[in-house]
C-alpha atoms as a PDB file:
ATOM      1  CA  UNK A   1    -168.511 192.574 -10.575  1.00  0.00           C
ATOM      2  CA  UNK A   2    -167.460 192.330 -14.216  1.00  0.00           C
ATOM      3  CA  UNK A   3    -168.682 195.245 -16.297  1.00  0.00           C
ATOM      4  CA  UNK A   4    -170.951 193.803 -19.042  1.00  0.00           C
ATOM      5  CA  UNK A   5    -169.805 196.539 -21.429  1.00  0.00           C
ATOM      6  CA  UNK A   6    -166.280 195.133 -21.244  1.00  0.00           C
ATOM      7  CA  UNK A   7    -167.425 191.850 -22.896  1.00  0.00           C
ATOM      8  CA  UNK A   8    -164.733 189.735 -21.315  1.00  0.00           C
ATOM      9  CA  UNK A   9    -164.030 186.038 -21.721  1.00  0.00           C
ATOM     10  CA  UNK A  10    -166.317 183.684 -19.811  1.00  0.00           C
ATOM     11  CA  UNK A  11    -163.163 181.937 -18.581  1.00  0.00           C
ATOM     12  CA  UNK A  12    -161.732 185.079 -16.989  1.00  0.00           C
ATOM     13  CA  UNK A  13    -161.562 183.451 -13.516  1.00  0.00           C
ATOM     14  CA  UNK A  14    -161.099 179.878 -14.709  1.00  0.00           C
ATOM     15  CA  UNK A  15    -157.900 177.880 -14.249  1.00  0.00           C
ATOM     16  CA  UNK A  16    -158.194 176.671 -17.849  1.00  0.00           C
ATOM     17  CA  UNK A  17    -158.318 180.163 -19.357  1.00  0.00           C
ATOM     18  CA  UNK A  18    -156.639 180.284 -22.776  1.00  0.00           C
ATOM     19  CA  UNK A  19    -152.965 181.274 -22.679  1.00  0.00           C
ATOM     20  CA  UNK A  20    -151.389 182.958 -25.737  1.00  0.00           C
ATOM     21  CA  UNK A  21    -148.366 185.306 -26.019  1.00  0.00           C
ATOM     22  CA  UNK A  22    -149.322 188.915 -26.797  1.00  0.00           C
ATOM     23  CA  UNK A  23    -146.637 188.918 -29.517  1.00  0.00           C
ATOM     24  CA  UNK A  24    -148.844 186.451 -31.442  1.00  0.00           C
ATOM     25  CA  UNK A  25    -151.511 189.121 -31.620  1.00  0.00           C
ATOM     26  CA  UNK A  26    -148.953 191.508 -33.080  1.00  0.00           C
ATOM     27  CA  UNK A  27    -148.169 189.075 -35.889  1.00  0.00           C
ATOM     28  CA  UNK A  28    -151.859 188.590 -36.667  1.00  0.00           C
ATOM     29  CA  UNK A  29    -152.602 192.308 -36.566  1.00  0.00           C
ATOM     30  CA  UNK A  30    -149.645 193.124 -38.792  1.00  0.00           C
ATOM     31  CA  UNK A  31    -150.937 190.824 -41.541  1.00  0.00           C
ATOM     32  CA  UNK A  32    -154.417 192.350 -41.248  1.00  0.00           C
ATOM     33  CA  UNK A  33    -152.942 195.835 -41.477  1.00  0.00           C
ATOM     34  CA  UNK A  34    -150.970 194.801 -44.554  1.00  0.00           C
ATOM     35  CA  UNK A  35    -154.077 193.484 -46.254  1.00  0.00           C
ATOM     36  CA  UNK A  36    -155.971 196.651 -45.455  1.00  0.00           C
ATOM     37  CA  UNK A  37    -153.283 199.107 -46.579  1.00  0.00           C
ATOM     38  CA  UNK A  38    -150.638 198.402 -49.258  1.00  0.00           C
ATOM     39  CA  UNK A  39    -148.397 201.090 -47.759  1.00  0.00           C
ATOM     40  CA  UNK A  40    -147.837 199.019 -44.609  1.00  0.00           C
ATOM     41  CA  UNK A  41    -144.343 197.536 -44.607  1.00  0.00           C
ATOM     42  CA  UNK A  42    -142.408 195.550 -41.999  1.00  0.00           C
ATOM     43  CA  UNK A  43    -138.763 195.647 -40.981  1.00  0.00           C
ATOM     44  CA  UNK A  44    -137.036 193.387 -38.478  1.00  0.00           C
ATOM     45  CA  UNK A  45    -133.666 193.168 -36.727  1.00  0.00           C
ATOM     46  CA  UNK A  46    -132.912 189.458 -37.221  1.00  0.00           C
ATOM     47  CA  UNK A  47    -135.723 188.307 -34.921  1.00  0.00           C
ATOM     48  CA  UNK A  48    -138.461 187.609 -37.448  1.00  0.00           C
ATOM     49  CA  UNK A  49    -139.840 184.461 -35.827  1.00  0.00           C
ATOM     50  CA  UNK A  50    -139.470 185.622 -32.220  1.00  0.00           C
ATOM     51  CA  UNK A  51    -141.272 188.911 -32.851  1.00  0.00           C
ATOM     52  CA  UNK A  52    -143.950 187.144 -34.944  1.00  0.00           C
ATOM     53  CA  UNK A  53    -143.145 189.212 -38.052  1.00  0.00           C
ATOM     54  CA  UNK A  54    -142.674 185.973 -39.981  1.00  0.00           C
ATOM     55  CA  UNK A  55    -146.339 185.775 -41.033  1.00  0.00           C
ATOM     56  CA  UNK A  56    -146.129 189.201 -42.683  1.00  0.00           C
ATOM     57  CA  UNK A  57    -142.906 188.192 -44.440  1.00  0.00           C
ATOM     58  CA  UNK A  58    -144.621 185.133 -45.927  1.00  0.00           C
ATOM     59  CA  UNK A  59    -147.752 187.062 -46.931  1.00  0.00           C
ATOM     60  CA  UNK A  60    -145.976 190.136 -48.339  1.00  0.00           C
ATOM     61  CA  UNK A  61    -142.355 189.214 -49.148  1.00  0.00           C
ATOM     62  CA  UNK A  62    -141.901 192.331 -51.293  1.00  0.00           C
ATOM     63  CA  UNK A  63    -142.917 194.552 -48.362  1.00  0.00           C
ATOM     64  CA  UNK A  64    -140.556 193.025 -45.805  1.00  0.00           C
ATOM     65  CA  UNK A  65    -136.953 194.087 -45.103  1.00  0.00           C
ATOM     66  CA  UNK A  66    -134.531 192.119 -42.948  1.00  0.00           C
ATOM     67  CA  UNK A  67    -132.139 194.697 -41.493  1.00  0.00           C
ATOM     68  CA  UNK A  68    -130.077 192.274 -39.433  1.00  0.00           C
ATOM     69  CA  UNK A  69    -128.548 192.971 -36.034  1.00  0.00           C
ATOM     70  CA  UNK A  70    -128.539 196.745 -36.504  1.00  0.00           C
ATOM     71  CA  UNK A  71    -131.304 198.354 -34.490  1.00  0.00           C
ATOM     72  CA  UNK A  72    -130.127 201.923 -35.129  1.00  0.00           C
ATOM     73  CA  UNK A  73    -130.354 201.279 -38.859  1.00  0.00           C
ATOM     74  CA  UNK A  74    -133.749 199.625 -38.333  1.00  0.00           C
ATOM     75  CA  UNK A  75    -135.184 202.920 -37.057  1.00  0.00           C
ATOM     76  CA  UNK A  76    -133.514 205.217 -39.568  1.00  0.00           C
ATOM     77  CA  UNK A  77    -134.421 203.151 -42.638  1.00  0.00           C
ATOM     78  CA  UNK A  78    -138.022 203.006 -41.436  1.00  0.00           C
ATOM     79  CA  UNK A  79    -138.066 206.772 -40.919  1.00  0.00           C
ATOM     80  CA  UNK A  80    -136.852 207.280 -44.474  1.00  0.00           C
ATOM     81  CA  UNK A  81    -139.544 204.997 -45.848  1.00  0.00           C
ATOM     82  CA  UNK A  82    -142.177 206.815 -43.790  1.00  0.00           C
ATOM     83  CA  UNK A  83    -141.040 210.110 -45.290  1.00  0.00           C
ATOM     84  CA  UNK A  84    -141.996 208.687 -48.685  1.00  0.00           C
ATOM     85  CA  UNK A  85    -145.486 207.569 -47.731  1.00  0.00           C
ATOM     86  CA  UNK A  86    -144.965 204.108 -46.250  1.00  0.00           C
ATOM     87  CA  UNK A  87    -146.251 202.976 -42.842  1.00  0.00           C
ATOM     88  CA  UNK A  88    -143.344 200.971 -41.416  1.00  0.00           C
ATOM     89  CA  UNK A  89    -143.594 198.579 -38.486  1.00  0.00           C
ATOM     90  CA  UNK A  90    -140.197 197.808 -36.952  1.00  0.00           C
ATOM     91  CA  UNK A  91    -139.726 194.918 -34.538  1.00  0.00           C
ATOM     92  CA  UNK A  92    -137.053 193.648 -32.189  1.00  0.00           C
ATOM     93  CA  UNK A  93    -136.745 192.846 -28.521  1.00  0.00           C
ATOM     94  CA  UNK A  94    -137.671 195.874 -26.429  1.00  0.00           C
ATOM     95  CA  UNK A  95    -134.221 195.738 -24.810  1.00  0.00           C
ATOM     96  CA  UNK A  96    -132.778 196.622 -28.235  1.00  0.00           C
ATOM     97  CA  UNK A  97    -135.602 198.670 -29.748  1.00  0.00           C
ATOM     98  CA  UNK A  98    -136.180 201.153 -28.142  1.00  0.00           C
ATOM     99  CA  UNK A  99    -133.420 200.199 -25.690  1.00  0.00           C
ATOM    100  CA  UNK A 100    -130.495 200.431 -28.101  1.00  0.00           C
ATOM    101  CA  UNK A 101    -131.848 202.785 -30.759  1.00  0.00           C
ATOM    102  CA  UNK A 102    -133.694 205.337 -28.641  1.00  0.00           C
ATOM    103  CA  UNK A 103    -131.702 208.235 -30.058  1.00  0.00           C
ATOM    104  CA  UNK A 104    -132.459 207.223 -33.659  1.00  0.00           C
ATOM    105  CA  UNK A 105    -136.161 206.873 -32.842  1.00  0.00           C
ATOM    106  CA  UNK A 106    -136.079 210.292 -31.188  1.00  0.00           C
ATOM    107  CA  UNK A 107    -134.256 212.089 -33.993  1.00  0.00           C
ATOM    108  CA  UNK A 108    -135.484 210.396 -37.168  1.00  0.00           C
ATOM    109  CA  UNK A 109    -138.997 209.294 -36.147  1.00  0.00           C
ATOM    110  CA  UNK A 110    -140.447 211.493 -33.387  1.00  0.00           C
ATOM    111  CA  UNK A 111    -138.702 214.756 -34.253  1.00  0.00           C
ATOM    112  CA  UNK A 112    -139.785 214.420 -37.885  1.00  0.00           C
ATOM    113  CA  UNK A 113    -143.292 213.256 -36.911  1.00  0.00           C
ATOM    114  CA  UNK A 114    -143.315 210.288 -39.279  1.00  0.00           C
ATOM    115  CA  UNK A 115    -145.649 207.300 -38.789  1.00  0.00           C
ATOM    116  CA  UNK A 116    -143.194 204.593 -37.765  1.00  0.00           C
ATOM    117  CA  UNK A 117    -144.654 201.936 -35.448  1.00  0.00           C
ATOM    118  CA  UNK A 118    -142.170 200.399 -33.001  1.00  0.00           C
ATOM    119  CA  UNK A 119    -142.955 196.880 -31.752  1.00  0.00           C
ATOM    120  CA  UNK A 120    -140.963 196.051 -28.620  1.00  0.00           C
ATOM    121  CA  UNK A 121    -141.251 192.326 -27.940  1.00  0.00           C
ATOM    122  CA  UNK A 122    -140.087 190.292 -24.934  1.00  0.00           C
ATOM    123  CA  UNK A 123    -140.687 193.179 -22.519  1.00  0.00           C
ATOM    124  CA  UNK A 124    -141.056 192.786 -18.765  1.00  0.00           C
ATOM    125  CA  UNK A 125    -139.735 190.411 -16.105  1.00  0.00           C
ATOM    126  CA  UNK A 126    -141.703 187.475 -17.539  1.00  0.00           C
ATOM    127  CA  UNK A 127    -139.112 187.043 -20.310  1.00  0.00           C
ATOM    128  CA  UNK A 128    -137.805 184.598 -17.720  1.00  0.00           C
ATOM    129  CA  UNK A 129    -134.605 182.578 -18.277  1.00  0.00           C
ATOM    130  CA  UNK A 130    -133.060 185.147 -20.662  1.00  0.00           C
ATOM    131  CA  UNK A 131    -132.213 187.221 -17.604  1.00  0.00           C
ATOM    132  CA  UNK A 132    -131.725 190.880 -16.761  1.00  0.00           C
ATOM    133  CA  UNK A 133    -130.153 191.954 -20.061  1.00  0.00           C
ATOM    134  CA  UNK A 134    -133.266 190.953 -22.003  1.00  0.00           C
ATOM    135  CA  UNK A 135    -135.911 191.803 -19.383  1.00  0.00           C
ATOM    136  CA  UNK A 136    -136.679 195.343 -20.526  1.00  0.00           C
ATOM    137  CA  UNK A 137    -138.278 197.200 -17.621  1.00  0.00           C
ATOM    138  CA  UNK A 138    -137.530 200.811 -18.516  1.00  0.00           C
ATOM    139  CA  UNK A 139    -139.042 201.207 -21.993  1.00  0.00           C
ATOM    140  CA  UNK A 140    -142.361 202.783 -20.964  1.00  0.00           C
ATOM    141  CA  UNK A 141    -140.417 205.517 -19.165  1.00  0.00           C
ATOM    142  CA  UNK A 142    -138.195 206.043 -22.206  1.00  0.00           C
ATOM    143  CA  UNK A 143    -141.020 206.239 -24.705  1.00  0.00           C
ATOM    144  CA  UNK A 144    -143.635 208.176 -22.771  1.00  0.00           C
ATOM    145  CA  UNK A 145    -141.075 210.939 -22.163  1.00  0.00           C
ATOM    146  CA  UNK A 146    -140.591 211.328 -25.920  1.00  0.00           C
ATOM    147  CA  UNK A 147    -142.658 214.055 -27.622  1.00  0.00           C
ATOM    148  CA  UNK A 148    -144.902 213.003 -30.506  1.00  0.00           C
ATOM    149  CA  UNK A 149    -144.914 209.361 -29.385  1.00  0.00           C
ATOM    150  CA  UNK A 150    -147.954 207.253 -28.497  1.00  0.00           C
ATOM    151  CA  UNK A 151    -147.424 204.340 -26.062  1.00  0.00           C
ATOM    152  CA  UNK A 152    -149.711 201.275 -26.024  1.00  0.00           C
ATOM    153  CA  UNK A 153    -149.355 198.148 -23.869  1.00  0.00           C
ATOM    154  CA  UNK A 154    -152.036 195.559 -24.780  1.00  0.00           C
ATOM    155  CA  UNK A 155    -153.440 193.239 -22.129  1.00  0.00           C
ATOM    156  CA  UNK A 156    -153.695 190.016 -24.150  1.00  0.00           C
ATOM    157  CA  UNK A 157    -153.191 188.578 -27.633  1.00  0.00           C
ATOM    158  CA  UNK A 158    -156.614 189.661 -28.906  1.00  0.00           C
ATOM    159  CA  UNK A 159    -156.077 193.216 -27.719  1.00  0.00           C
ATOM    160  CA  UNK A 160    -152.558 193.141 -29.206  1.00  0.00           C
ATOM    161  CA  UNK A 161    -154.044 192.294 -32.604  1.00  0.00           C
ATOM    162  CA  UNK A 162    -156.498 195.185 -32.306  1.00  0.00           C
ATOM    163  CA  UNK A 163    -153.786 197.571 -31.122  1.00  0.00           C
ATOM    164  CA  UNK A 164    -151.517 196.691 -34.047  1.00  0.00           C
ATOM    165  CA  UNK A 165    -154.290 197.192 -36.574  1.00  0.00           C
ATOM    166  CA  UNK A 166    -155.288 200.482 -34.918  1.00  0.00           C
ATOM    167  CA  UNK A 167    -151.671 201.701 -34.864  1.00  0.00           C
ATOM    168  CA  UNK A 168    -151.446 201.328 -38.643  1.00  0.00           C
ATOM    169  CA  UNK A 169    -154.017 204.070 -39.128  1.00  0.00           C
ATOM    170  CA  UNK A 170    -153.043 206.158 -36.098  1.00  0.00           C
ATOM    171  CA  UNK A 171    -151.234 209.420 -36.776  1.00  0.00           C
ATOM    172  CA  UNK A 172    -147.539 209.601 -35.929  1.00  0.00           C
ATOM    173  CA  UNK A 173    -145.171 207.288 -34.106  1.00  0.00           C
ATOM    174  CA  UNK A 174    -146.536 204.511 -31.903  1.00  0.00           C
ATOM    175  CA  UNK A 175    -144.720 202.255 -29.450  1.00  0.00           C
ATOM    176  CA  UNK A 176    -146.374 198.857 -28.988  1.00  0.00           C
ATOM    177  CA  UNK A 177    -145.161 196.717 -26.064  1.00  0.00           C
ATOM    178  CA  UNK A 178    -145.461 192.912 -26.122  1.00  0.00           C
ATOM    179  CA  UNK A 179    -144.577 189.989 -23.864  1.00  0.00           C
ATOM    180  CA  UNK A 180    -142.820 186.727 -24.686  1.00  0.00           C
ATOM    181  CA  UNK A 181    -144.590 184.314 -22.356  1.00  0.00           C
ATOM    182  CA  UNK A 182    -148.068 182.880 -22.831  1.00  0.00           C
ATOM    183  CA  UNK A 183    -150.530 184.961 -20.825  1.00  0.00           C
ATOM    184  CA  UNK A 184    -154.250 184.872 -20.104  1.00  0.00           C
ATOM    185  CA  UNK A 185    -156.653 185.798 -22.927  1.00  0.00           C
ATOM    186  CA  UNK A 186    -159.310 187.651 -20.967  1.00  0.00           C
ATOM    187  CA  UNK A 187    -160.807 189.847 -23.720  1.00  0.00           C
ATOM    188  CA  UNK A 188    -162.793 188.743 -26.777  1.00  0.00           C
ATOM    189  CA  UNK A 189    -163.205 189.885 -30.352  1.00  0.00           C
ATOM    190  CA  UNK A 190    -166.193 191.931 -29.161  1.00  0.00           C
ATOM    191  CA  UNK A 191    -164.324 193.692 -26.342  1.00  0.00           C
ATOM    192  CA  UNK A 192    -164.039 197.432 -27.036  1.00  0.00           C
ATOM    193  CA  UNK A 193    -160.627 198.835 -27.916  1.00  0.00           C
ATOM    194  CA  UNK A 194    -159.590 202.307 -28.971  1.00  0.00           C
ATOM    195  CA  UNK A 195    -156.182 203.939 -28.639  1.00  0.00           C
ATOM    196  CA  UNK A 196    -156.410 206.582 -25.925  1.00  0.00           C
ATOM    197  CA  UNK A 197    -159.515 205.144 -24.272  1.00  0.00           C
ATOM    198  CA  UNK A 198    -159.164 203.122 -21.059  1.00  0.00           C
ATOM    199  CA  UNK A 199    -161.725 200.408 -20.371  1.00  0.00           C
ATOM    200  CA  UNK A 200    -163.495 199.724 -17.065  1.00  0.00           C
ATOM    201  CA  UNK A 201    -163.524 195.927 -16.709  1.00  0.00           C
ATOM    202  CA  UNK A 202    -164.839 195.593 -13.145  1.00  0.00           C
ATOM    203  CA  UNK A 203    -167.136 197.859 -11.143  1.00  0.00           C
ATOM    204  CA  UNK A 204    -168.400 197.047  -7.635  1.00  0.00           C
ATOM    205  CA  UNK A 205    -171.540 198.677  -6.290  1.00  0.00           C
ATOM    206  CA  UNK A 206    -169.588 200.463  -3.561  1.00  0.00           C
ATOM    207  CA  UNK A 207    -165.953 200.604  -4.739  1.00  0.00           C
ATOM    208  CA  UNK A 208    -163.268 201.555  -2.233  1.00  0.00           C
ATOM    209  CA  UNK A 209    -160.203 201.302  -4.474  1.00  0.00           C
ATOM    210  CA  UNK A 210    -159.429 201.756  -8.166  1.00  0.00           C
ATOM    211  CA  UNK A 211    -156.949 199.263  -9.653  1.00  0.00           C
ATOM    212  CA  UNK A 212    -155.363 200.702 -12.790  1.00  0.00           C
ATOM    213  CA  UNK A 213    -153.362 198.201 -14.829  1.00  0.00           C
ATOM    214  CA  UNK A 214    -151.757 197.729 -18.209  1.00  0.00           C
ATOM    215  CA  UNK A 215    -150.465 194.727 -20.122  1.00  0.00           C
ATOM    216  CA  UNK A 216    -151.007 191.080 -19.143  1.00  0.00           C
ATOM    217  CA  UNK A 217    -151.023 191.939 -15.425  1.00  0.00           C
ATOM    218  CA  UNK A 218    -154.513 193.377 -15.944  1.00  0.00           C
ATOM    219  CA  UNK A 219    -155.668 189.779 -15.561  1.00  0.00           C
ATOM    220  CA  UNK A 220    -153.976 189.619 -12.148  1.00  0.00           C
ATOM    221  CA  UNK A 221    -155.840 192.844 -11.300  1.00  0.00           C
ATOM    222  CA  UNK A 222    -159.138 191.154 -12.170  1.00  0.00           C
ATOM    223  CA  UNK A 223    -158.251 188.141 -10.007  1.00  0.00           C
ATOM    224  CA  UNK A 224    -157.417 190.524  -7.164  1.00  0.00           C
ATOM    225  CA  UNK A 225    -160.736 192.361  -7.564  1.00  0.00           C
ATOM    226  CA  UNK A 226    -162.549 189.031  -7.402  1.00  0.00           C
ATOM    227  CA  UNK A 227    -160.801 188.168  -4.122  1.00  0.00           C
ATOM    228  CA  UNK A 228    -161.446 191.620  -2.667  1.00  0.00           C
ATOM    229  CA  UNK A 229    -165.127 191.356  -3.555  1.00  0.00           C
ATOM    230  CA  UNK A 230    -165.430 188.030  -1.728  1.00  0.00           C
ATOM    231  CA  UNK A 231    -163.909 189.707   1.324  1.00  0.00           C
ATOM    232  CA  UNK A 232    -166.391 192.576   1.150  1.00  0.00           C
ATOM    233  CA  UNK A 233    -164.115 195.193  -0.417  1.00  0.00           C
ATOM    234  CA  UNK A 234    -165.421 196.782  -3.615  1.00  0.00           C
ATOM    235  CA  UNK A 235    -163.172 197.960  -6.425  1.00  0.00           C
ATOM    236  CA  UNK A 236    -162.934 199.292  -9.959  1.00  0.00           C
ATOM    237  CA  UNK A 237    -160.511 197.680 -12.415  1.00  0.00           C
ATOM    238  CA  UNK A 238    -159.328 199.745 -15.369  1.00  0.00           C
ATOM    239  CA  UNK A 239    -157.456 198.410 -18.386  1.00  0.00           C
ATOM    240  CA  UNK A 240    -155.230 201.427 -19.046  1.00  0.00           C
ATOM    241  CA  UNK A 241    -153.690 200.022 -22.231  1.00  0.00           C
ATOM    242  CA  UNK A 242    -152.816 203.432 -23.664  1.00  0.00           C
ATOM    243  CA  UNK A 243    -150.225 205.000 -21.409  1.00  0.00           C
ATOM    244  CA  UNK A 244    -149.783 207.991 -23.692  1.00  0.00           C
ATOM    245  CA  UNK A 245    -152.050 209.778 -24.412  1.00  0.00           C
ATOM    246  CA  UNK A 246    -153.690 208.625 -21.184  1.00  0.00           C
ATOM    247  CA  UNK A 247    -157.438 208.602 -20.729  1.00  0.00           C
ATOM    248  CA  UNK A 248    -157.351 211.170 -17.929  1.00  0.00           C
ATOM    249  CA  UNK A 249    -161.131 211.417 -17.638  1.00  0.00           C
ATOM    250  CA  UNK A 250    -161.552 207.726 -16.750  1.00  0.00           C
ATOM    251  CA  UNK A 251    -158.625 207.755 -14.295  1.00  0.00           C
ATOM    252  CA  UNK A 252    -159.806 210.898 -12.503  1.00  0.00           C
ATOM    253  CA  UNK A 253    -163.397 209.681 -12.312  1.00  0.00           C
ATOM    254  CA  UNK A 254    -162.295 206.385 -10.718  1.00  0.00           C
ATOM    255  CA  UNK A 255    -160.038 208.198  -8.233  1.00  0.00           C
ATOM    256  CA  UNK A 256    -162.863 210.535  -7.239  1.00  0.00           C
ATOM    257  CA  UNK A 257    -165.248 207.615  -6.811  1.00  0.00           C
ATOM    258  CA  UNK A 258    -162.895 205.440  -4.758  1.00  0.00           C
ATOM    259  CA  UNK A 259    -160.510 207.838  -3.029  1.00  0.00           C
ATOM    260  CA  UNK A 260    -157.651 205.328  -3.363  1.00  0.00           C
ATOM    261  CA  UNK A 261    -155.687 203.892  -6.289  1.00  0.00           C
ATOM    262  CA  UNK A 262    -153.385 200.923  -6.964  1.00  0.00           C
ATOM    263  CA  UNK A 263    -151.382 200.856 -10.215  1.00  0.00           C
ATOM    264  CA  UNK A 264    -150.198 197.562 -11.723  1.00  0.00           C
ATOM    265  CA  UNK A 265    -147.523 197.088 -14.392  1.00  0.00           C
ATOM    266  CA  UNK A 266    -144.664 194.780 -15.388  1.00  0.00           C
ATOM    267  CA  UNK A 267    -142.188 197.653 -15.541  1.00  0.00           C
ATOM    268  CA  UNK A 268    -140.061 199.744 -13.221  1.00  0.00           C
ATOM    269  CA  UNK A 269    -142.278 201.633 -10.794  1.00  0.00           C
ATOM    270  CA  UNK A 270    -140.098 204.682 -11.394  1.00  0.00           C
ATOM    271  CA  UNK A 271    -141.237 206.454 -14.557  1.00  0.00           C
ATOM    272  CA  UNK A 272    -143.778 203.866 -15.659  1.00  0.00           C
ATOM    273  CA  UNK A 273    -147.532 203.818 -16.087  1.00  0.00           C
ATOM    274  CA  UNK A 274    -148.051 204.319 -12.360  1.00  0.00           C
ATOM    275  CA  UNK A 275    -145.953 207.465 -12.461  1.00  0.00           C
ATOM    276  CA  UNK A 276    -148.075 208.723 -15.343  1.00  0.00           C
ATOM    277  CA  UNK A 277    -151.264 208.054 -13.348  1.00  0.00           C
ATOM    278  CA  UNK A 278    -149.775 209.899 -10.368  1.00  0.00           C
ATOM    279  CA  UNK A 279    -148.984 212.896 -12.573  1.00  0.00           C
ATOM    280  CA  UNK A 280    -152.586 213.017 -13.780  1.00  0.00           C
ATOM    281  CA  UNK A 281    -154.000 212.797 -10.261  1.00  0.00           C
ATOM    282  CA  UNK A 282    -151.543 215.279  -8.763  1.00  0.00           C
ATOM    283  CA  UNK A 283    -152.741 217.882 -11.253  1.00  0.00           C
ATOM    284  CA  UNK A 284    -156.427 217.084 -10.976  1.00  0.00           C
ATOM    285  CA  UNK A 285    -157.448 215.048  -7.904  1.00  0.00           C
ATOM    286  CA  UNK A 286    -154.670 214.165  -5.400  1.00  0.00           C
ATOM    287  CA  UNK A 287    -155.296 210.612  -4.208  1.00  0.00           C
ATOM    288  CA  UNK A 288    -153.403 208.027  -2.104  1.00  0.00           C
ATOM    289  CA  UNK A 289    -151.636 205.554  -4.437  1.00  0.00           C
ATOM    290  CA  UNK A 290    -149.809 202.262  -4.027  1.00  0.00           C
ATOM    291  CA  UNK A 291    -147.664 200.862  -6.842  1.00  0.00           C
ATOM    292  CA  UNK A 292    -147.245 197.289  -8.109  1.00  0.00           C
ATOM    293  CA  UNK A 293    -144.251 196.888 -10.408  1.00  0.00           C
ATOM    294  CA  UNK A 294    -140.495 196.396 -10.367  1.00  0.00           C
ATOM    295  CA  UNK A 295    -139.169 198.096  -7.201  1.00  0.00           C
ATOM    296  CA  UNK A 296    -135.976 199.709  -8.549  1.00  0.00           C
ATOM    297  CA  UNK A 297    -134.233 196.413  -9.392  1.00  0.00           C
ATOM    298  CA  UNK A 298    -132.934 194.713 -12.503  1.00  0.00           C
ATOM    299  CA  UNK A 299    -134.364 191.279 -13.209  1.00  0.00           C
ATOM    300  CA  UNK A 300    -132.752 187.851 -13.049  1.00  0.00           C
ATOM    301  CA  UNK A 301    -133.031 184.460 -14.690  1.00  0.00           C
ATOM    302  CA  UNK A 302    -135.916 182.260 -13.617  1.00  0.00           C
ATOM    303  CA  UNK A 303    -139.292 180.901 -14.588  1.00  0.00           C
ATOM    304  CA  UNK A 304    -141.697 183.726 -15.541  1.00  0.00           C
ATOM    305  CA  UNK A 305    -144.240 182.997 -12.815  1.00  0.00           C
ATOM    306  CA  UNK A 306    -141.516 182.611 -10.199  1.00  0.00           C
ATOM    307  CA  UNK A 307    -140.171 186.042 -11.064  1.00  0.00           C
ATOM    308  CA  UNK A 308    -143.606 187.662 -10.926  1.00  0.00           C
ATOM    309  CA  UNK A 309    -144.025 186.025  -7.520  1.00  0.00           C
ATOM    310  CA  UNK A 310    -140.626 187.133  -6.233  1.00  0.00           C
ATOM    311  CA  UNK A 311    -141.042 190.750  -7.253  1.00  0.00           C
ATOM    312  CA  UNK A 312    -144.598 191.084  -5.991  1.00  0.00           C
ATOM    313  CA  UNK A 313    -146.664 191.316  -9.169  1.00  0.00           C
ATOM    314  CA  UNK A 314    -149.332 188.686  -8.473  1.00  0.00           C
ATOM    315  CA  UNK A 315    -152.993 189.026  -7.482  1.00  0.00           C
ATOM    316  CA  UNK A 316    -152.215 188.520  -3.791  1.00  0.00           C
ATOM    317  CA  UNK A 317    -149.798 191.457  -3.903  1.00  0.00           C
ATOM    318  CA  UNK A 318    -152.455 193.641  -5.522  1.00  0.00           C
ATOM    319  CA  UNK A 319    -154.908 192.642  -2.784  1.00  0.00           C
ATOM    320  CA  UNK A 320    -152.365 193.611  -0.115  1.00  0.00           C
ATOM    321  CA  UNK A 321    -151.664 196.942  -1.831  1.00  0.00           C
ATOM    322  CA  UNK A 322    -155.398 197.640  -2.056  1.00  0.00           C
ATOM    323  CA  UNK A 323    -155.865 197.054   1.670  1.00  0.00           C
ATOM    324  CA  UNK A 324    -152.863 199.244   2.444  1.00  0.00           C
ATOM    325  CA  UNK A 325    -154.014 202.193   0.335  1.00  0.00           C
ATOM    326  CA  UNK A 326    -157.570 201.961   1.703  1.00  0.00           C
ATOM    327  CA  UNK A 327    -156.108 202.197   5.218  1.00  0.00           C
ATOM    328  CA  UNK A 328    -154.097 205.227   4.142  1.00  0.00           C
ATOM    329  CA  UNK A 329    -157.256 206.809   2.752  1.00  0.00           C
ATOM    330  CA  UNK A 330    -158.963 206.536   6.134  1.00  0.00           C
ATOM    331  CA  UNK A 331    -155.976 208.139   7.905  1.00  0.00           C
ATOM    332  CA  UNK A 332    -155.613 210.898   5.299  1.00  0.00           C
END
């Protein structure tokens, strides 16, 4: 059942649950960060409205820089400003930042350990009609492999606002990943959030599988847990919003309790959050794992929900993966 400490929305299983893009939360959090700290500045690569940086531009026009279609310059200018005491937030589509300017982020931001915050919008398959070129599915792998880089993937718009505000005061570089499409708002203003601390959202009395998710698909994980519970299969659902540094203690504890794990992400299975979970468990508590994510394919044009359905990222797919890994546990 839902963990009361998680303080989730009362509509979490309702068909009329509020739907808001996580990028909206970024825009709200950026303005709050700017009000809190005058050193916060924002830079954008000609996508001010799409990345929701527009509100910051209107509130603090003297602290906003439009770089234009030049993502490499976006990163290097921000790194220079950070060297002189500013806290820059840079935003573009994730396909272009960090997709196009990864080397500049590596060399000018991470290597120099400056506090640039990278907002990658329109990530995942749910970008929809824009197609494979814009459906960034490799960015978690790129950024979690980078030294001195924190990686955060908020579950909904409220958590995105909290993550953005937290990133402003967090030491060093931070990559924040956001979606384009409206997605379920399952947390509340009172839901706990701290970078580096995973949250248990669901805990059955006798859990048989741990479902570890990140991003908007955490809501699909909750729907799956609800279905499993009705069928007599207990589970734990973890919102693993911080992929690096990962909350190893919570992941290991859930694996030890359940003996089976399913990871859920809107990203390539190879190198993503699931791979990071597997690395943690391999070192500490080897456990059977099944993975929900993009199975080594590029995306395609289509309606967001159709694409999630086609590539197996819905609640029913999580349920099937849970049953499969539980069966493996018995055999192992």
